[in-house]
Amino acid sequence: MKTTNCPKCGLAISDEYQFCLQCGTDLKAGTDSQESAAEDSQVQPPTVVWVEPTQPSSLGPNVRRSARPQAPQSTILFQGPNHKLQSPSSRTGSPRSKLPWVVGGLWVLVVIAALSYLLLVRNKATETDHSIPEVHSATPSPTISPDGTLFAASSPTAPPTDTASPSTHTAATTPAQTPTPATASSTPPVEATKIYSSREVDKRVMILSKPKASYTDEARNNQVMGTVVLKVVFGANGSIENVTVVSGLSHGLTENAIAAARSMKFEPAQKNGVAVSTVMQVEYNFNLY
């Protein structure tokens, strides 16, 4: 029966036991580590190593696991003979790397479509400009008849002399008509007895002279001041027909204002060229200062 010395405490243990009876060292793990070290010296094919996260030992305080490289998280690492350990994300390209190329291709298509549209519109505008002189050239040019009348020939088969001759005979045979009766009948008649306002006449009253109203001694002694407002009817015959008081003053000032209004000189208002009577408002101011 073969025996194996414990690598930790040096106790000789039979090969039937896989653990040291004194310290609990895994004897098989030590043998496996020596064999794996011999194999690593040779060229190995690519292998996949599964690294488990660190977990507390559940085999008891006297039993220990073999020394293995541990990582904080479970990851799959690819290892080859001439390559370093690489993660899957570093070996594969990002799927979003093609997005800029797709966007650039779309922009190129948009620019090409815009240039094609501009060229098409420009060609249509050029064709329209070339067709305009042809339309104008087809229209006949105006001609002058022997009697000096300017007209445009509608067609080459119709001579201008044939169309001008009937109008000449018609003008000679038809007597001239005056439009004065139609104009006179369209204007409304002017009523001689009606008194028009200033807005209804074509030409307003033109006052030639307006005498001032004098102060009475009684009004001067009583310091009476103010404005007398009169409504005066200017007759069509050039005389004052009527005077009405709108607002007056005491102590004889209203009477003096009426007398001054009746002595005014004026030119009567006109409507449709006829003199008419009109009413206007006249004011007289009385002030001692």
Protein backbone atom coordinates (compact mmCIF):
# COMPACT_ATOMS: atom_id res chain seq x y z
CA MET A 1 0.00 0.00 0.00
CA LYS A 2 1.34 3.38 -1.00
CA THR A 3 1.49 6.35 1.32
CA THR A 4 1.51 10.05 0.64
CA ASN A 5 2.93 12.78 2.82
CA CYS A 6 0.63 15.70 3.62
CA PRO A 7 2.02 18.85 1.95
CA LYS A 8 1.03 20.91 4.95
CA CYS A 9 1.76 18.95 8.13
CA GLY A 10 3.98 16.18 6.65
CA LEU A 11 1.90 13.30 8.06
CA ALA A 12 2.18 10.02 6.08
CA ILE A 13 -1.27 9.00 4.93
CA SER A 14 -2.39 6.01 2.90
CA ASP A 15 -3.60 6.56 -0.70
CA GLU A 16 -7.03 5.36 0.34
CA TYR A 17 -7.62 8.66 2.12
CA GLN A 18 -8.22 11.82 0.13
CA PHE A 19 -7.88 14.17 3.13
CA CYS A 20 -5.27 14.55 5.81
CA LEU A 21 -6.52 13.03 9.07
CA GLN A 22 -4.68 15.65 11.13
CA CYS A 23 -5.11 19.01 9.29
CA GLY A 24 -7.80 18.13 6.74
CA THR A 25 -5.78 19.12 3.67
CA ASP A 26 -7.14 17.83 0.35
CA LEU A 27 -4.47 15.43 -0.84
CA LYS A 28 -6.08 14.83 -4.25
CA ALA A 29 -6.11 18.58 -5.01
CA GLY A 30 -2.38 18.77 -4.48
CA THR A 31 -1.83 15.91 -6.88
CA ASP A 32 -4.16 17.51 -9.46
CA SER A 33 -2.34 20.84 -9.18
CA GLN A 34 0.98 19.19 -9.90
CA GLU A 35 -0.42 17.39 -12.94
CA SER A 36 -2.09 20.59 -14.25
CA ALA A 37 1.19 22.51 -13.88
CA ALA A 38 2.91 19.91 -16.04
CA GLU A 39 0.19 20.15 -18.66
CA ASP A 40 0.27 24.00 -18.72
CA SER A 41 3.91 23.89 -19.78
CA GLN A 42 2.77 22.48 -23.10
CA VAL A 43 0.73 24.38 -25.77
CA GLN A 44 -2.93 24.16 -24.79
CA PRO A 45 -5.95 24.70 -27.06
CA PRO A 46 -8.45 27.49 -26.25
CA THR A 47 -10.44 26.66 -23.13
CA VAL A 48 -13.42 28.20 -21.36
CA VAL A 49 -12.96 28.80 -17.63
CA TRP A 50 -15.93 29.24 -15.33
CA VAL A 51 -15.04 31.38 -12.32
CA GLU A 52 -17.41 31.04 -9.39
CA PRO A 53 -18.11 33.91 -7.01
CA THR A 54 -16.61 33.85 -3.58
CA GLN A 55 -18.75 31.88 -1.13
CA PRO A 56 -18.14 30.90 2.47
CA SER A 57 -16.94 27.32 3.02
CA SER A 58 -19.58 24.85 4.15
CA LEU A 59 -17.25 21.90 4.82
CA GLY A 60 -16.27 22.92 8.34
CA PRO A 61 -13.42 24.84 9.91
CA ASN A 62 -10.86 22.04 9.39
CA VAL A 63 -11.62 21.46 5.68
CA ARG A 64 -10.29 23.93 3.12
CA ARG A 65 -10.79 24.23 -0.59
CA SER A 66 -7.97 24.14 -3.04
CA ALA A 67 -6.42 27.43 -4.01
CA ARG A 68 -8.17 28.66 -7.16
CA PRO A 69 -8.38 32.12 -8.78
CA GLN A 70 -11.64 33.76 -7.80
CA ALA A 71 -13.51 36.75 -9.22
CA PRO A 72 -16.15 39.00 -7.59
CA GLN A 73 -18.76 38.00 -10.17
CA SER A 74 -19.43 35.00 -12.39
CA THR A 75 -18.00 35.67 -15.85
CA ILE A 76 -16.95 33.57 -18.83
CA LEU A 77 -13.41 34.23 -20.06
CA PHE A 78 -11.90 33.02 -23.36
CA GLN A 79 -8.26 31.98 -23.28
CA GLY A 80 -6.13 30.91 -26.22
CA PRO A 81 -2.49 29.96 -26.64
CA ASN A 82 -1.37 33.40 -27.85
CA HIS A 83 -4.23 35.60 -26.56
CA LYS A 84 -5.00 37.27 -23.28
CA LEU A 85 -8.21 36.71 -21.37
CA GLN A 86 -11.00 38.72 -23.05
CA SER A 87 -14.63 39.22 -22.19
CA PRO A 88 -17.35 38.59 -24.80
CA SER A 89 -18.26 42.28 -24.94
CA SER A 90 -14.67 43.23 -25.92
CA ARG A 91 -14.49 40.67 -28.75
CA THR A 92 -17.82 41.53 -30.40
CA GLY A 93 -18.40 44.93 -32.03
CA SER A 94 -21.10 47.33 -30.86
CA PRO A 95 -24.37 46.95 -32.81
CA ARG A 96 -24.85 50.73 -32.77
CA SER A 97 -21.65 51.36 -34.75
CA LYS A 98 -23.59 51.15 -38.06
CA LEU A 99 -26.07 53.91 -37.14
CA PRO A 100 -23.88 56.87 -38.32
CA TRP A 101 -23.42 55.19 -41.71
CA VAL A 102 -27.19 54.72 -42.11
CA VAL A 103 -27.89 58.36 -41.17
CA GLY A 104 -25.19 59.62 -43.55
CA GLY A 105 -26.66 57.60 -46.40
CA LEU A 106 -30.12 59.06 -45.79
CA TRP A 107 -28.73 62.61 -45.85
CA VAL A 108 -27.00 61.95 -49.16
CA LEU A 109 -30.27 60.71 -50.66
CA VAL A 110 -32.13 63.82 -49.43
CA VAL A 111 -29.52 66.17 -50.95
CA ILE A 112 -29.63 64.35 -54.29
CA ALA A 113 -33.45 64.54 -54.38
CA ALA A 114 -33.40 68.29 -53.61
CA LEU A 115 -30.88 69.00 -56.37
CA SER A 116 -32.93 66.99 -58.86
CA TYR A 117 -36.08 68.94 -57.98
CA LEU A 118 -34.33 72.30 -58.40
CA LEU A 119 -32.97 71.30 -61.80
CA LEU A 120 -36.43 70.16 -62.93
CA VAL A 121 -38.06 73.45 -61.86
CA ARG A 122 -35.34 75.47 -63.56
CA ASN A 123 -35.78 73.57 -66.84
CA LYS A 124 -39.55 74.16 -66.78
CA ALA A 125 -39.04 77.89 -66.18
CA THR A 126 -36.60 78.07 -69.11
CA GLU A 127 -39.06 76.33 -71.43
CA THR A 128 -41.81 78.78 -70.41
CA ASP A 129 -39.58 81.80 -71.10
CA HIS A 130 -38.78 80.49 -74.59
CA SER A 131 -42.45 79.94 -75.41
CA ILE A 132 -43.56 83.51 -74.54
CA PRO A 133 -42.00 85.27 -77.60
CA GLU A 134 -43.76 82.82 -79.90
CA VAL A 135 -47.17 83.80 -78.48
CA HIS A 136 -46.50 87.52 -78.90
CA SER A 137 -45.17 87.09 -82.41
CA ALA A 138 -48.44 85.45 -83.50
CA THR A 139 -50.54 88.53 -82.67
CA PRO A 140 -51.05 90.88 -85.64
CA SER A 141 -49.50 94.32 -85.45
CA PRO A 142 -51.80 97.36 -85.56
CA THR A 143 -52.24 99.18 -88.87
CA ILE A 144 -53.25 102.72 -89.79
CA SER A 145 -56.06 103.35 -92.27
CA PRO A 146 -55.78 106.06 -94.95
CA ASP A 147 -57.99 108.42 -92.94
CA GLY A 148 -55.62 108.25 -89.90
CA THR A 149 -57.57 105.75 -87.74
CA LEU A 150 -55.47 103.30 -85.70
CA PHE A 151 -56.86 99.77 -85.35
CA ALA A 152 -55.65 96.15 -85.00
CA ALA A 153 -56.33 93.64 -87.77
CA SER A 154 -58.11 90.58 -86.32
CA SER A 155 -57.39 88.27 -89.26
CA PRO A 156 -55.55 88.56 -92.59
CA THR A 157 -58.75 87.80 -94.56
CA ALA A 158 -60.64 90.81 -93.17
CA PRO A 159 -59.16 94.05 -94.62
CA PRO A 160 -59.31 97.11 -92.35
CA THR A 161 -60.98 99.25 -95.03
CA ASP A 162 -64.14 97.09 -95.04
CA THR A 163 -64.70 97.47 -91.27
CA ALA A 164 -64.06 101.23 -91.27
CA SER A 165 -66.37 102.14 -94.16
CA PRO A 166 -69.73 101.19 -92.54
CA SER A 167 -68.97 103.30 -89.46
CA THR A 168 -68.28 106.31 -91.70
CA HIS A 169 -71.61 106.02 -93.51
CA THR A 170 -73.48 105.51 -90.26
CA ALA A 171 -72.00 108.64 -88.75
CA ALA A 172 -72.92 110.65 -91.81
CA THR A 173 -76.55 109.51 -91.95
CA THR A 174 -77.31 109.66 -88.18
CA PRO A 175 -78.07 113.18 -86.88
CA ALA A 176 -76.13 114.42 -83.87
CA GLN A 177 -77.93 114.12 -80.56
CA THR A 178 -77.30 116.35 -77.57
CA PRO A 179 -77.22 114.70 -74.12
CA THR A 180 -78.46 117.82 -72.32
CA PRO A 181 -82.10 116.66 -71.87
CA ALA A 182 -80.95 113.46 -70.15
CA THR A 183 -78.69 115.43 -67.83
CA ALA A 184 -81.41 117.89 -66.94
CA SER A 185 -83.93 115.15 -66.18
CA SER A 186 -81.50 113.22 -63.93
CA THR A 187 -81.03 116.14 -61.44
CA PRO A 188 -83.85 116.60 -58.89
CA PRO A 189 -85.76 119.93 -59.04
CA VAL A 190 -84.92 122.63 -56.50
CA GLU A 191 -87.78 123.85 -54.30
CA ALA A 192 -87.75 127.62 -54.09
CA THR A 193 -89.69 127.80 -50.79
CA LYS A 194 -87.67 125.14 -48.94
CA ILE A 195 -85.06 126.16 -46.40
CA TYR A 196 -81.99 123.93 -46.68
CA SER A 197 -79.37 123.19 -44.08
CA SER A 198 -75.67 123.81 -44.61
CA ARG A 199 -75.10 120.10 -45.36
CA GLU A 200 -77.72 119.95 -48.14
CA VAL A 201 -76.38 122.74 -50.35
CA ASP A 202 -73.56 122.60 -52.86
CA LYS A 203 -72.25 126.07 -52.00
CA ARG A 204 -72.66 127.57 -48.54
CA VAL A 205 -73.55 131.16 -47.61
CA MET A 206 -70.66 133.60 -47.94
CA ILE A 207 -70.95 136.44 -45.36
CA LEU A 208 -69.58 139.67 -46.78
CA SER A 209 -70.07 141.92 -43.70
CA LYS A 210 -71.10 141.22 -40.08
CA PRO A 211 -71.77 144.35 -37.96
CA LYS A 212 -70.89 144.18 -34.27
CA ALA A 213 -73.59 144.28 -31.60
CA SER A 214 -73.22 147.25 -29.23
CA TYR A 215 -73.25 147.16 -25.40
CA THR A 216 -76.12 148.82 -23.56
CA ASP A 217 -75.42 151.11 -20.59
CA GLU A 218 -77.55 148.97 -18.28
CA ALA A 219 -75.66 145.78 -19.25
CA ARG A 220 -72.32 147.57 -18.83
CA ASN A 221 -73.24 148.84 -15.38
CA ASN A 222 -74.39 145.36 -14.29
CA GLN A 223 -71.26 143.70 -15.73
CA VAL A 224 -73.27 141.39 -18.02
CA MET A 225 -71.08 139.20 -20.23
CA GLY A 226 -71.70 136.13 -22.35
CA THR A 227 -72.69 134.90 -25.82
CA VAL A 228 -75.93 135.35 -27.74
CA VAL A 229 -76.67 132.46 -30.12
CA LEU A 230 -79.05 133.14 -33.03
CA LYS A 231 -80.50 130.94 -35.78
CA VAL A 232 -80.58 133.07 -38.96
CA VAL A 233 -82.37 132.22 -42.23
CA PHE A 234 -80.41 133.58 -45.20
CA GLY A 235 -82.87 134.09 -48.07
CA ALA A 236 -82.28 133.18 -51.69
CA ASN A 237 -82.85 136.85 -52.66
CA GLY A 238 -79.87 138.03 -50.55
CA SER A 239 -81.78 139.30 -47.48
CA ILE A 240 -82.28 137.98 -43.93
CA GLU A 241 -85.69 136.31 -43.80
CA ASN A 242 -85.92 135.29 -40.12
CA VAL A 243 -83.91 135.41 -36.86
CA THR A 244 -84.60 133.07 -33.90
CA VAL A 245 -82.94 133.26 -30.47
CA VAL A 246 -81.29 130.04 -29.30
CA SER A 247 -79.71 131.52 -26.15
CA GLY A 248 -79.70 135.20 -25.15
CA LEU A 249 -78.60 137.73 -22.51
CA SER A 250 -80.46 140.30 -20.45
CA HIS A 251 -80.38 144.10 -20.33
CA GLY A 252 -80.94 144.57 -24.08
CA LEU A 253 -77.96 142.56 -25.36
CA THR A 254 -80.16 140.01 -27.18
CA GLU A 255 -82.07 142.77 -29.01
CA ASN A 256 -78.83 144.43 -30.13
CA ALA A 257 -77.56 141.06 -31.44
CA ILE A 258 -80.77 140.53 -33.48
CA ALA A 259 -80.50 144.01 -34.98
CA ALA A 260 -76.88 143.41 -35.96
CA ALA A 261 -77.76 140.05 -37.56
CA ARG A 262 -80.51 141.57 -39.73
CA SER A 263 -78.03 144.08 -41.18
CA MET A 264 -75.54 141.41 -42.43
CA LYS A 265 -74.55 141.30 -46.11
CA PHE A 266 -74.03 137.91 -47.78
CA GLU A 267 -74.17 135.83 -50.94
CA PRO A 268 -76.94 133.19 -50.83
CA ALA A 269 -76.23 129.48 -50.89
CA GLN A 270 -76.61 127.43 -54.09
CA LYS A 271 -77.89 123.96 -54.90
CA ASN A 272 -77.56 122.56 -58.43
CA GLY A 273 -76.53 126.04 -59.58
CA VAL A 274 -79.69 127.69 -58.18
CA ALA A 275 -79.74 130.14 -55.23
CA VAL A 276 -81.67 128.72 -52.25
CA SER A 277 -82.56 129.75 -48.71
CA THR A 278 -80.49 128.21 -45.94
CA VAL A 279 -80.34 128.43 -42.17
CA MET A 280 -77.17 128.96 -40.15
CA GLN A 281 -76.23 129.61 -36.53
CA VAL A 282 -74.62 132.98 -35.72
CA GLU A 283 -72.99 133.93 -32.39
CA TYR A 284 -72.29 137.34 -30.79
CA ASN A 285 -69.85 137.54 -27.89
CA PHE A 286 -70.19 140.28 -25.25
CA ASN A 287 -67.14 140.88 -23.07
CA LEU A 288 -66.10 143.95 -21.10
CA TYR A 289 -62.44 142.97 -20.76
